[in-house]
C-alpha atoms as a PDB file:
ATOM      1  CA  UNK A   1       0.011  -0.005  -0.004  1.00  0.00           C
ATOM      2  CA  UNK A   2       1.531   3.276  -1.168  1.00  0.00           C
ATOM      3  CA  UNK A   3       0.560   6.342   0.874  1.00  0.00           C
ATOM      4  CA  UNK A   4       2.574   9.406   0.005  1.00  0.00           C
ATOM      5  CA  UNK A   5       0.007  12.190   0.006  1.00  0.00           C
ATOM      6  CA  UNK A   6      -2.535  12.619   2.838  1.00  0.00           C
ATOM      7  CA  UNK A   7      -5.628  14.800   2.613  1.00  0.00           C
ATOM      8  CA  UNK A   8      -7.202  15.936   5.927  1.00  0.00           C
ATOM      9  CA  UNK A   9     -10.877  16.805   5.828  1.00  0.00           C
ATOM     10  CA  UNK A  10     -11.442  18.817   8.970  1.00  0.00           C
ATOM     11  CA  UNK A  11      -8.691  21.045  10.357  1.00  0.00           C
ATOM     12  CA  UNK A  12      -9.902  21.362  13.917  1.00  0.00           C
ATOM     13  CA  UNK A  13      -8.177  19.991  17.036  1.00  0.00           C
ATOM     14  CA  UNK A  14      -7.981  16.430  15.711  1.00  0.00           C
ATOM     15  CA  UNK A  15      -7.127  17.414  12.161  1.00  0.00           C
ATOM     16  CA  UNK A  16      -4.245  19.589  13.297  1.00  0.00           C
ATOM     17  CA  UNK A  17      -2.849  16.817  15.552  1.00  0.00           C
ATOM     18  CA  UNK A  18      -2.978  14.206  12.785  1.00  0.00           C
ATOM     19  CA  UNK A  19      -1.584  16.555  10.121  1.00  0.00           C
ATOM     20  CA  UNK A  20       1.395  17.490  12.302  1.00  0.00           C
ATOM     21  CA  UNK A  21       2.044  13.928  13.406  1.00  0.00           C
ATOM     22  CA  UNK A  22       1.867  12.343   9.946  1.00  0.00           C
ATOM     23  CA  UNK A  23       3.648  15.057   7.951  1.00  0.00           C
ATOM     24  CA  UNK A  24       7.101  13.667   8.707  1.00  0.00           C
ATOM     25  CA  UNK A  25       6.163  10.235   7.322  1.00  0.00           C
ATOM     26  CA  UNK A  26       4.766  11.214   3.919  1.00  0.00           C
ATOM     27  CA  UNK A  27       5.598  13.446   0.957  1.00  0.00           C
ATOM     28  CA  UNK A  28       2.877  15.976   1.756  1.00  0.00           C
ATOM     29  CA  UNK A  29      -0.244  16.727   3.777  1.00  0.00           C
ATOM     30  CA  UNK A  30      -3.155  18.848   2.468  1.00  0.00           C
ATOM     31  CA  UNK A  31      -6.236  19.945   4.344  1.00  0.00           C
ATOM     32  CA  UNK A  32      -9.714  21.266   3.682  1.00  0.00           C
ATOM     33  CA  UNK A  33     -12.009  22.802   6.285  1.00  0.00           C
ATOM     34  CA  UNK A  34     -15.105  25.015   6.006  1.00  0.00           C
ATOM     35  CA  UNK A  35     -13.142  27.548   8.014  1.00  0.00           C
ATOM     36  CA  UNK A  36     -10.948  28.027   4.917  1.00  0.00           C
ATOM     37  CA  UNK A  37     -14.027  29.220   3.013  1.00  0.00           C
ATOM     38  CA  UNK A  38     -14.497  32.985   2.913  1.00  0.00           C
ATOM     39  CA  UNK A  39     -18.236  32.520   2.312  1.00  0.00           C
ATOM     40  CA  UNK A  40     -18.572  30.566   5.601  1.00  0.00           C
ATOM     41  CA  UNK A  41     -15.957  31.844   8.050  1.00  0.00           C
ATOM     42  CA  UNK A  42     -15.145  35.348   9.157  1.00  0.00           C
ATOM     43  CA  UNK A  43     -11.983  36.896   7.782  1.00  0.00           C
ATOM     44  CA  UNK A  44     -10.302  36.698  11.181  1.00  0.00           C
ATOM     45  CA  UNK A  45     -11.073  33.003  11.604  1.00  0.00           C
ATOM     46  CA  UNK A  46     -10.086  32.211   8.026  1.00  0.00           C
ATOM     47  CA  UNK A  47      -6.807  34.071   8.249  1.00  0.00           C
ATOM     48  CA  UNK A  48      -5.902  32.402  11.552  1.00  0.00           C
ATOM     49  CA  UNK A  49      -6.611  28.900  10.205  1.00  0.00           C
ATOM     50  CA  UNK A  50      -4.687  29.526   7.009  1.00  0.00           C
ATOM     51  CA  UNK A  51      -1.781  30.908   8.939  1.00  0.00           C
ATOM     52  CA  UNK A  52      -1.742  27.864  11.212  1.00  0.00           C
ATOM     53  CA  UNK A  53      -1.671  25.515   8.241  1.00  0.00           C
ATOM     54  CA  UNK A  54       1.100  27.472   6.524  1.00  0.00           C
ATOM     55  CA  UNK A  55       3.225  27.483   9.658  1.00  0.00           C
ATOM     56  CA  UNK A  56       2.641  23.709  10.133  1.00  0.00           C
ATOM     57  CA  UNK A  57       3.690  22.963   6.558  1.00  0.00           C
ATOM     58  CA  UNK A  58       0.171  21.789   5.572  1.00  0.00           C
ATOM     59  CA  UNK A  59      -1.219  22.854   2.198  1.00  0.00           C
ATOM     60  CA  UNK A  60      -4.616  24.510   2.730  1.00  0.00           C
ATOM     61  CA  UNK A  61      -6.931  23.554  -0.149  1.00  0.00           C
ATOM     62  CA  UNK A  62      -9.755  25.674  -1.452  1.00  0.00           C
ATOM     63  CA  UNK A  63     -12.262  22.865  -1.790  1.00  0.00           C
ATOM     64  CA  UNK A  64     -13.091  19.188  -1.149  1.00  0.00           C
ATOM     65  CA  UNK A  65     -12.213  18.466  -4.786  1.00  0.00           C
ATOM     66  CA  UNK A  66      -8.784  19.983  -4.317  1.00  0.00           C
ATOM     67  CA  UNK A  67      -7.939  18.030  -1.188  1.00  0.00           C
ATOM     68  CA  UNK A  68      -9.011  14.753  -2.779  1.00  0.00           C
ATOM     69  CA  UNK A  69      -7.189  15.400  -6.088  1.00  0.00           C
ATOM     70  CA  UNK A  70      -3.740  14.188  -5.013  1.00  0.00           C
ATOM     71  CA  UNK A  71      -4.512  12.210  -1.833  1.00  0.00           C
ATOM     72  CA  UNK A  72      -3.687   8.505  -1.562  1.00  0.00           C
ATOM     73  CA  UNK A  73      -5.236   8.612   1.917  1.00  0.00           C
ATOM     74  CA  UNK A  74      -8.133  10.914   2.817  1.00  0.00           C
ATOM     75  CA  UNK A  75      -8.745  11.204   6.581  1.00  0.00           C
ATOM     76  CA  UNK A  76     -12.106  12.545   7.753  1.00  0.00           C
ATOM     77  CA  UNK A  77     -11.950  14.246  11.168  1.00  0.00           C
ATOM     78  CA  UNK A  78     -15.134  16.250  11.546  1.00  0.00           C
ATOM     79  CA  UNK A  79     -18.005  16.285  14.033  1.00  0.00           C
ATOM     80  CA  UNK A  80     -20.204  13.195  14.310  1.00  0.00           C
ATOM     81  CA  UNK A  81     -23.216  14.900  12.703  1.00  0.00           C
ATOM     82  CA  UNK A  82     -21.213  15.672   9.578  1.00  0.00           C
ATOM     83  CA  UNK A  83     -19.857  12.139   9.032  1.00  0.00           C
ATOM     84  CA  UNK A  84     -22.133  11.245   6.126  1.00  0.00           C
ATOM     85  CA  UNK A  85     -22.158  14.732   4.603  1.00  0.00           C
ATOM     86  CA  UNK A  86     -18.376  14.695   4.229  1.00  0.00           C
ATOM     87  CA  UNK A  87     -18.477  11.328   2.467  1.00  0.00           C
ATOM     88  CA  UNK A  88     -21.206  12.579   0.158  1.00  0.00           C
ATOM     89  CA  UNK A  89     -19.029  15.591  -0.748  1.00  0.00           C
ATOM     90  CA  UNK A  90     -15.805  13.575  -1.166  1.00  0.00           C
ATOM     91  CA  UNK A  91     -17.120  10.587  -3.101  1.00  0.00           C
ATOM     92  CA  UNK A  92     -17.427  12.418  -6.487  1.00  0.00           C
ATOM     93  CA  UNK A  93     -13.795  13.538  -6.232  1.00  0.00           C
ATOM     94  CA  UNK A  94     -11.870  10.801  -4.459  1.00  0.00           C
ATOM     95  CA  UNK A  95      -9.246   9.024  -6.591  1.00  0.00           C
ATOM     96  CA  UNK A  96      -9.933   5.408  -7.626  1.00  0.00           C
ATOM     97  CA  UNK A  97      -7.852   3.134  -5.363  1.00  0.00           C
ATOM     98  CA  UNK A  98      -7.433   5.794  -2.644  1.00  0.00           C
ATOM     99  CA  UNK A  99      -8.207   4.984   0.984  1.00  0.00           C
ATOM    100  CA  UNK A 100     -10.844   6.966   2.902  1.00  0.00           C
ATOM    101  CA  UNK A 101     -10.230   6.666   6.646  1.00  0.00           C
ATOM    102  CA  UNK A 102     -13.217   7.821   8.704  1.00  0.00           C
ATOM    103  CA  UNK A 103     -12.194   8.783  12.267  1.00  0.00           C
ATOM    104  CA  UNK A 104     -15.598  10.155  13.190  1.00  0.00           C
ATOM    105  CA  UNK A 105     -17.755   8.807  15.995  1.00  0.00           C
ATOM    106  CA  UNK A 106     -20.835   7.529  14.106  1.00  0.00           C
ATOM    107  CA  UNK A 107     -23.141   4.537  14.327  1.00  0.00           C
ATOM    108  CA  UNK A 108     -22.476   1.312  12.396  1.00  0.00           C
ATOM    109  CA  UNK A 109     -25.407   2.131  10.103  1.00  0.00           C
ATOM    110  CA  UNK A 110     -23.979   5.555   9.267  1.00  0.00           C
ATOM    111  CA  UNK A 111     -20.579   4.084   8.547  1.00  0.00           C
ATOM    112  CA  UNK A 112     -22.101   1.417   6.291  1.00  0.00           C
ATOM    113  CA  UNK A 113     -23.905   4.061   4.262  1.00  0.00           C
ATOM    114  CA  UNK A 114     -20.620   5.984   3.980  1.00  0.00           C
ATOM    115  CA  UNK A 115     -18.767   2.862   2.850  1.00  0.00           C
ATOM    116  CA  UNK A 116     -21.232   2.257   0.020  1.00  0.00           C
ATOM    117  CA  UNK A 117     -20.591   5.725  -1.432  1.00  0.00           C
ATOM    118  CA  UNK A 118     -16.804   5.526  -1.251  1.00  0.00           C
ATOM    119  CA  UNK A 119     -16.627   1.952  -2.573  1.00  0.00           C
ATOM    120  CA  UNK A 120     -18.975   2.877  -5.444  1.00  0.00           C
ATOM    121  CA  UNK A 121     -16.500   5.615  -6.421  1.00  0.00           C
ATOM    122  CA  UNK A 122     -13.733   2.970  -6.787  1.00  0.00           C
ATOM    123  CA  UNK A 123     -11.946   3.894  -3.536  1.00  0.00           C
ATOM    124  CA  UNK A 124     -11.684   1.927  -0.283  1.00  0.00           C
ATOM    125  CA  UNK A 125     -13.518   2.922   2.876  1.00  0.00           C
ATOM    126  CA  UNK A 126     -11.987   2.065   6.265  1.00  0.00           C
ATOM    127  CA  UNK A 127     -13.763   2.930   9.503  1.00  0.00           C
ATOM    128  CA  UNK A 128     -11.860   3.787  12.629  1.00  0.00           C
ATOM    129  CA  UNK A 129     -13.028   3.512  16.210  1.00  0.00           C
ATOM    130  CA  UNK A 130     -10.877   5.980  18.126  1.00  0.00           C
ATOM    131  CA  UNK A 131     -10.860   4.452  21.603  1.00  0.00           C
ATOM    132  CA  UNK A 132      -9.932   7.390  23.852  1.00  0.00           C
ATOM    133  CA  UNK A 133      -9.314  11.160  23.855  1.00  0.00           C
ATOM    134  CA  UNK A 134      -6.794  12.102  21.149  1.00  0.00           C
ATOM    135  CA  UNK A 135      -4.857  15.041  22.638  1.00  0.00           C
ATOM    136  CA  UNK A 136      -2.923  13.060  25.308  1.00  0.00           C
ATOM    137  CA  UNK A 137      -1.781  10.537  22.694  1.00  0.00           C
ATOM    138  CA  UNK A 138      -1.551  12.421  19.441  1.00  0.00           C
ATOM    139  CA  UNK A 139      -1.390  10.084  16.448  1.00  0.00           C
ATOM    140  CA  UNK A 140      -0.561   7.233  18.876  1.00  0.00           C
ATOM    141  CA  UNK A 141      -4.142   7.154  20.074  1.00  0.00           C
ATOM    142  CA  UNK A 142      -5.478   3.550  20.040  1.00  0.00           C
ATOM    143  CA  UNK A 143      -7.665   2.985  16.998  1.00  0.00           C
ATOM    144  CA  UNK A 144      -9.631  -0.033  15.802  1.00  0.00           C
ATOM    145  CA  UNK A 145     -10.064  -0.371  12.057  1.00  0.00           C
ATOM    146  CA  UNK A 146     -12.688  -2.108   9.965  1.00  0.00           C
ATOM    147  CA  UNK A 147     -13.121  -2.732   6.262  1.00  0.00           C
ATOM    148  CA  UNK A 148     -11.665  -4.817   3.445  1.00  0.00           C
ATOM    149  CA  UNK A 149      -8.433  -2.794   3.531  1.00  0.00           C
ATOM    150  CA  UNK A 150      -8.261  -2.415   7.298  1.00  0.00           C
ATOM    151  CA  UNK A 151      -5.440  -4.923   7.787  1.00  0.00           C
ATOM    152  CA  UNK A 152      -3.172  -3.453   5.100  1.00  0.00           C
ATOM    153  CA  UNK A 153      -3.894   0.104   6.334  1.00  0.00           C
ATOM    154  CA  UNK A 154      -3.215  -0.807   9.936  1.00  0.00           C
ATOM    155  CA  UNK A 155       0.195  -2.203   8.973  1.00  0.00           C
ATOM    156  CA  UNK A 156       1.007   1.023   7.070  1.00  0.00           C
ATOM    157  CA  UNK A 157      -0.216   3.278   9.893  1.00  0.00           C
ATOM    158  CA  UNK A 158       1.826   1.436  12.483  1.00  0.00           C
ATOM    159  CA  UNK A 159       4.834   2.230  10.309  1.00  0.00           C
ATOM    160  CA  UNK A 160       3.894   5.890  10.678  1.00  0.00           C
ATOM    161  CA  UNK A 161       3.993   5.510  14.477  1.00  0.00           C
ATOM    162  CA  UNK A 162       0.286   5.026  15.006  1.00  0.00           C
ATOM    163  CA  UNK A 163      -1.496   2.506  17.201  1.00  0.00           C
ATOM    164  CA  UNK A 164      -3.888   0.950  14.709  1.00  0.00           C
ATOM    165  CA  UNK A 165      -5.417  -2.527  14.915  1.00  0.00           C
ATOM    166  CA  UNK A 166      -7.660  -4.199  12.349  1.00  0.00           C
ATOM    167  CA  UNK A 167     -10.658  -5.886  14.000  1.00  0.00           C
ATOM    168  CA  UNK A 168     -12.882  -6.785  11.063  1.00  0.00           C
ATOM    169  CA  UNK A 169     -13.048  -6.872   7.255  1.00  0.00           C
ATOM    170  CA  UNK A 170     -16.690  -5.689   7.419  1.00  0.00           C
ATOM    171  CA  UNK A 171     -17.935  -2.191   8.221  1.00  0.00           C
ATOM    172  CA  UNK A 172     -19.714  -1.615  11.501  1.00  0.00           C
ATOM    173  CA  UNK A 173     -17.735  -3.729  13.972  1.00  0.00           C
ATOM    174  CA  UNK A 174     -15.182  -1.094  14.909  1.00  0.00           C
ATOM    175  CA  UNK A 175     -17.966   1.503  15.239  1.00  0.00           C
ATOM    176  CA  UNK A 176     -20.035  -0.772  17.428  1.00  0.00           C
ATOM    177  CA  UNK A 177     -17.072  -1.256  19.793  1.00  0.00           C
ATOM    178  CA  UNK A 178     -16.394   2.482  19.904  1.00  0.00           C
ATOM    179  CA  UNK A 179     -19.993   3.568  20.391  1.00  0.00           C
ATOM    180  CA  UNK A 180     -20.777   0.945  23.033  1.00  0.00           C
ATOM    181  CA  UNK A 181     -17.812   2.192  24.967  1.00  0.00           C
ATOM    182  CA  UNK A 182     -18.925   5.790  24.478  1.00  0.00           C
ATOM    183  CA  UNK A 183     -22.231   5.137  26.216  1.00  0.00           C
ATOM    184  CA  UNK A 184     -20.200   4.115  29.312  1.00  0.00           C
ATOM    185  CA  UNK A 185     -17.449   6.762  29.184  1.00  0.00           C
ATOM    186  CA  UNK A 186     -19.586   9.764  28.189  1.00  0.00           C
ATOM    187  CA  UNK A 187     -22.227   8.505  30.587  1.00  0.00           C
ATOM    188  CA  UNK A 188     -19.684   8.432  33.407  1.00  0.00           C
ATOM    189  CA  UNK A 189     -18.726  12.009  32.554  1.00  0.00           C
ATOM    190  CA  UNK A 190     -22.373  13.117  32.714  1.00  0.00           C
ATOM    191  CA  UNK A 191     -22.915  11.239  36.003  1.00  0.00           C
ATOM    192  CA  UNK A 192     -19.829  12.730  37.618  1.00  0.00           C
ATOM    193  CA  UNK A 193     -20.899  16.279  36.709  1.00  0.00           C
ATOM    194  CA  UNK A 194     -24.431  15.748  38.033  1.00  0.00           C
ATOM    195  CA  UNK A 195     -23.368  13.847  41.154  1.00  0.00           C
ATOM    196  CA  UNK A 196     -20.482  16.113  42.122  1.00  0.00           C
ATOM    197  CA  UNK A 197     -22.399  19.360  41.536  1.00  0.00           C
ATOM    198  CA  UNK A 198     -25.315  18.088  43.571  1.00  0.00           C
ATOM    199  CA  UNK A 199     -23.049  16.999  46.402  1.00  0.00           C
ATOM    200  CA  UNK A 200     -21.292  20.366  46.285  1.00  0.00           C
ATOM    201  CA  UNK A 201     -24.685  22.114  46.430  1.00  0.00           C
ATOM    202  CA  UNK A 202     -25.573  20.271  49.623  1.00  0.00           C
ATOM    203  CA  UNK A 203     -22.046  20.580  51.064  1.00  0.00           C
ATOM    204  CA  UNK A 204     -21.616  16.811  51.315  1.00  0.00           C
ATOM    205  CA  UNK A 205     -18.869  16.175  48.769  1.00  0.00           C
ATOM    206  CA  UNK A 206     -16.350  15.264  51.547  1.00  0.00           C
ATOM    207  CA  UNK A 207     -18.658  12.376  52.429  1.00  0.00           C
ATOM    208  CA  UNK A 208     -19.583  11.289  48.913  1.00  0.00           C
ATOM    209  CA  UNK A 209     -16.177  11.082  47.245  1.00  0.00           C
ATOM    210  CA  UNK A 210     -14.584   8.811  49.888  1.00  0.00           C
ATOM    211  CA  UNK A 211     -17.417   6.317  49.397  1.00  0.00           C
ATOM    212  CA  UNK A 212     -16.674   6.300  45.652  1.00  0.00           C
ATOM    213  CA  UNK A 213     -12.993   5.633  46.462  1.00  0.00           C
ATOM    214  CA  UNK A 214     -14.003   2.739  48.687  1.00  0.00           C
ATOM    215  CA  UNK A 215     -16.073   1.163  45.941  1.00  0.00           C
ATOM    216  CA  UNK A 216     -13.674   1.917  43.060  1.00  0.00           C
ATOM    217  CA  UNK A 217     -10.226   2.340  44.733  1.00  0.00           C
ATOM    218  CA  UNK A 218      -8.287   2.385  41.449  1.00  0.00           C
ATOM    219  CA  UNK A 219      -9.838   5.736  40.376  1.00  0.00           C
ATOM    220  CA  UNK A 220      -8.567   9.085  41.618  1.00  0.00           C
ATOM    221  CA  UNK A 221     -11.999  10.656  41.939  1.00  0.00           C
ATOM    222  CA  UNK A 222     -10.729  14.205  42.547  1.00  0.00           C
ATOM    223  CA  UNK A 223      -8.465  14.214  39.549  1.00  0.00           C
ATOM    224  CA  UNK A 224     -10.959  12.349  37.338  1.00  0.00           C
ATOM    225  CA  UNK A 225     -13.666  14.822  38.317  1.00  0.00           C
ATOM    226  CA  UNK A 226     -11.594  17.819  37.337  1.00  0.00           C
ATOM    227  CA  UNK A 227     -10.707  16.171  34.001  1.00  0.00           C
ATOM    228  CA  UNK A 228     -14.311  15.290  33.208  1.00  0.00           C
ATOM    229  CA  UNK A 229     -15.628  18.763  34.010  1.00  0.00           C
ATOM    230  CA  UNK A 230     -12.949  20.472  31.940  1.00  0.00           C
ATOM    231  CA  UNK A 231     -13.330  18.202  28.909  1.00  0.00           C
ATOM    232  CA  UNK A 232     -17.115  18.441  28.779  1.00  0.00           C
ATOM    233  CA  UNK A 233     -16.989  22.229  29.329  1.00  0.00           C
ATOM    234  CA  UNK A 234     -14.597  22.469  26.392  1.00  0.00           C
ATOM    235  CA  UNK A 235     -16.040  19.814  24.066  1.00  0.00           C
ATOM    236  CA  UNK A 236     -19.613  19.268  25.279  1.00  0.00           C
ATOM    237  CA  UNK A 237     -21.184  20.056  21.957  1.00  0.00           C
ATOM    238  CA  UNK A 238     -19.012  17.603  20.103  1.00  0.00           C
ATOM    239  CA  UNK A 239     -19.560  14.920  22.791  1.00  0.00           C
ATOM    240  CA  UNK A 240     -23.341  15.481  22.583  1.00  0.00           C
ATOM    241  CA  UNK A 241     -23.223  14.847  18.823  1.00  0.00           C
ATOM    242  CA  UNK A 242     -21.267  11.650  19.455  1.00  0.00           C
ATOM    243  CA  UNK A 243     -23.856  10.526  22.017  1.00  0.00           C
ATOM    244  CA  UNK A 244     -26.680  11.059  19.561  1.00  0.00           C
ATOM    245  CA  UNK A 245     -24.793   8.729  17.194  1.00  0.00           C
ATOM    246  CA  UNK A 246     -24.346   6.374  20.160  1.00  0.00           C
ATOM    247  CA  UNK A 247     -28.124   6.520  20.612  1.00  0.00           C
ATOM    248  CA  UNK A 248     -28.497   5.550  16.924  1.00  0.00           C
ATOM    249  CA  UNK A 249     -26.166   2.640  17.604  1.00  0.00           C
ATOM    250  CA  UNK A 250     -28.287   1.469  20.516  1.00  0.00           C
ATOM    251  CA  UNK A 251     -31.412   1.863  18.378  1.00  0.00           C
ATOM    252  CA  UNK A 252     -29.878  -0.081  15.507  1.00  0.00           C
ATOM    253  CA  UNK A 253     -29.247  -2.946  17.981  1.00  0.00           C
ATOM    254  CA  UNK A 254     -32.936  -3.031  18.790  1.00  0.00           C
ATOM    255  CA  UNK A 255     -32.996  -1.144  22.095  1.00  0.00           C
ATOM    256  CA  UNK A 256     -34.533   2.125  23.130  1.00  0.00           C
ATOM    257  CA  UNK A 257     -31.625   4.569  23.886  1.00  0.00           C
ATOM    258  CA  UNK A 258     -32.992   6.289  26.983  1.00  0.00           C
ATOM    259  CA  UNK A 259     -29.595   6.546  28.661  1.00  0.00           C
ATOM    260  CA  UNK A 260     -27.692   7.637  25.568  1.00  0.00           C
ATOM    261  CA  UNK A 261     -30.151  10.435  24.815  1.00  0.00           C
ATOM    262  CA  UNK A 262     -30.080  11.615  28.430  1.00  0.00           C
ATOM    263  CA  UNK A 263     -26.289  11.668  28.338  1.00  0.00           C
ATOM    264  CA  UNK A 264     -26.417  13.744  25.094  1.00  0.00           C
ATOM    265  CA  UNK A 265     -28.734  16.161  26.833  1.00  0.00           C
ATOM    266  CA  UNK A 266     -26.401  16.634  29.807  1.00  0.00           C
ATOM    267  CA  UNK A 267     -23.399  17.269  27.523  1.00  0.00           C
ATOM    268  CA  UNK A 268     -25.404  19.718  25.455  1.00  0.00           C
ATOM    269  CA  UNK A 269     -26.452  21.562  28.606  1.00  0.00           C
ATOM    270  CA  UNK A 270     -22.864  21.878  29.883  1.00  0.00           C
ATOM    271  CA  UNK A 271     -21.785  23.051  26.424  1.00  0.00           C
ATOM    272  CA  UNK A 272     -24.460  25.733  26.564  1.00  0.00           C
ATOM    273  CA  UNK A 273     -23.279  26.947  29.934  1.00  0.00           C
ATOM    274  CA  UNK A 274     -19.767  27.200  28.516  1.00  0.00           C
ATOM    275  CA  UNK A 275     -21.062  29.141  25.523  1.00  0.00           C
ATOM    276  CA  UNK A 276     -22.894  31.488  27.901  1.00  0.00           C
ATOM    277  CA  UNK A 277     -19.600  32.283  29.630  1.00  0.00           C
ATOM    278  CA  UNK A 278     -20.311  30.437  32.874  1.00  0.00           C
ATOM    279  CA  UNK A 279     -16.748  29.082  32.980  1.00  0.00           C
ATOM    280  CA  UNK A 280     -14.956  32.188  31.677  1.00  0.00           C
ATOM    281  CA  UNK A 281     -11.764  32.957  33.564  1.00  0.00           C
ATOM    282  CA  UNK A 282     -11.236  29.532  35.070  1.00  0.00           C
ATOM    283  CA  UNK A 283      -7.622  28.379  34.847  1.00  0.00           C
ATOM    284  CA  UNK A 284      -6.693  25.365  32.712  1.00  0.00           C
ATOM    285  CA  UNK A 285      -5.990  23.377  35.926  1.00  0.00           C
ATOM    286  CA  UNK A 286      -9.227  24.322  37.613  1.00  0.00           C
ATOM    287  CA  UNK A 287     -10.598  21.915  40.184  1.00  0.00           C
ATOM    288  CA  UNK A 288     -13.946  20.243  39.771  1.00  0.00           C
ATOM    289  CA  UNK A 289     -15.181  22.315  42.683  1.00  0.00           C
ATOM    290  CA  UNK A 290     -14.527  25.499  40.729  1.00  0.00           C
ATOM    291  CA  UNK A 291     -16.622  24.231  37.817  1.00  0.00           C
ATOM    292  CA  UNK A 292     -19.390  23.055  40.091  1.00  0.00           C
ATOM    293  CA  UNK A 293     -19.510  26.365  41.929  1.00  0.00           C
ATOM    294  CA  UNK A 294     -19.969  28.206  38.637  1.00  0.00           C
ATOM    295  CA  UNK A 295     -22.855  25.902  37.682  1.00  0.00           C
ATOM    296  CA  UNK A 296     -24.428  26.316  41.130  1.00  0.00           C
ATOM    297  CA  UNK A 297     -24.093  30.121  40.970  1.00  0.00           C
ATOM    298  CA  UNK A 298     -25.817  30.111  37.585  1.00  0.00           C
ATOM    299  CA  UNK A 299     -28.682  27.985  38.816  1.00  0.00           C
ATOM    300  CA  UNK A 300     -29.280  30.204  41.862  1.00  0.00           C
ATOM    301  CA  UNK A 301     -29.566  33.452  39.887  1.00  0.00           C
END
């Protein structure tokens, strides 16, 4: 498998990390993002994104067609709700024989629809289940791959320094693993935020957290709480989108996704608080108590 030119679709946090991490292993990396489009983004946002790409040695493309034109490997790193839309836009332009690697958190059914479009264009669709938060790991984040070319691609990506493992030749298995896990992990985040903030409101957190430590002694509940609050405050909107796809996954399995939809609602709510400025001014290393106090202050207004 020859992969010399990589095209990133989505130049947000994940796209920037992957572009920077893979650039040294290939001939060139190009990127396309709606923020590059003057008709969509403000001049300030567009200029900042183009400047970042130029400084990183990434070629900013003017369109989806342009980013697909020379790419042996197209990597999609957008929000969950845009998973299928990106594939629909890329399919008419992707090169025959190219690989389309979908990093997005979407249900097996969504990934199967996407695969049909890419395969019909003569390219090869590979789904990825990204199994934990990317920033601490960079391109070494553990990923499970699925699809006819998953094994060959996993071998190639490991040569680039990535932690990629093929789990199936069919589409949907990797997504099912990822989304089933997301119900638990994103659910735990939502539960921690609701439980801790409630305990803080009643002044009983010094009694509640030790009982959690007794039941689950391997978890640092103070540190975990701070991390969960900060990540949801920063990425709640994206996490809510992922949980709606997790709900689709549950539904596709034949269950009613009551929990997944409730988790999506909690993440959406925290994201709205962040958008409203509730957490403005908190330091990067803020404690969970500082986040909870801001939420309590807002609720008591």
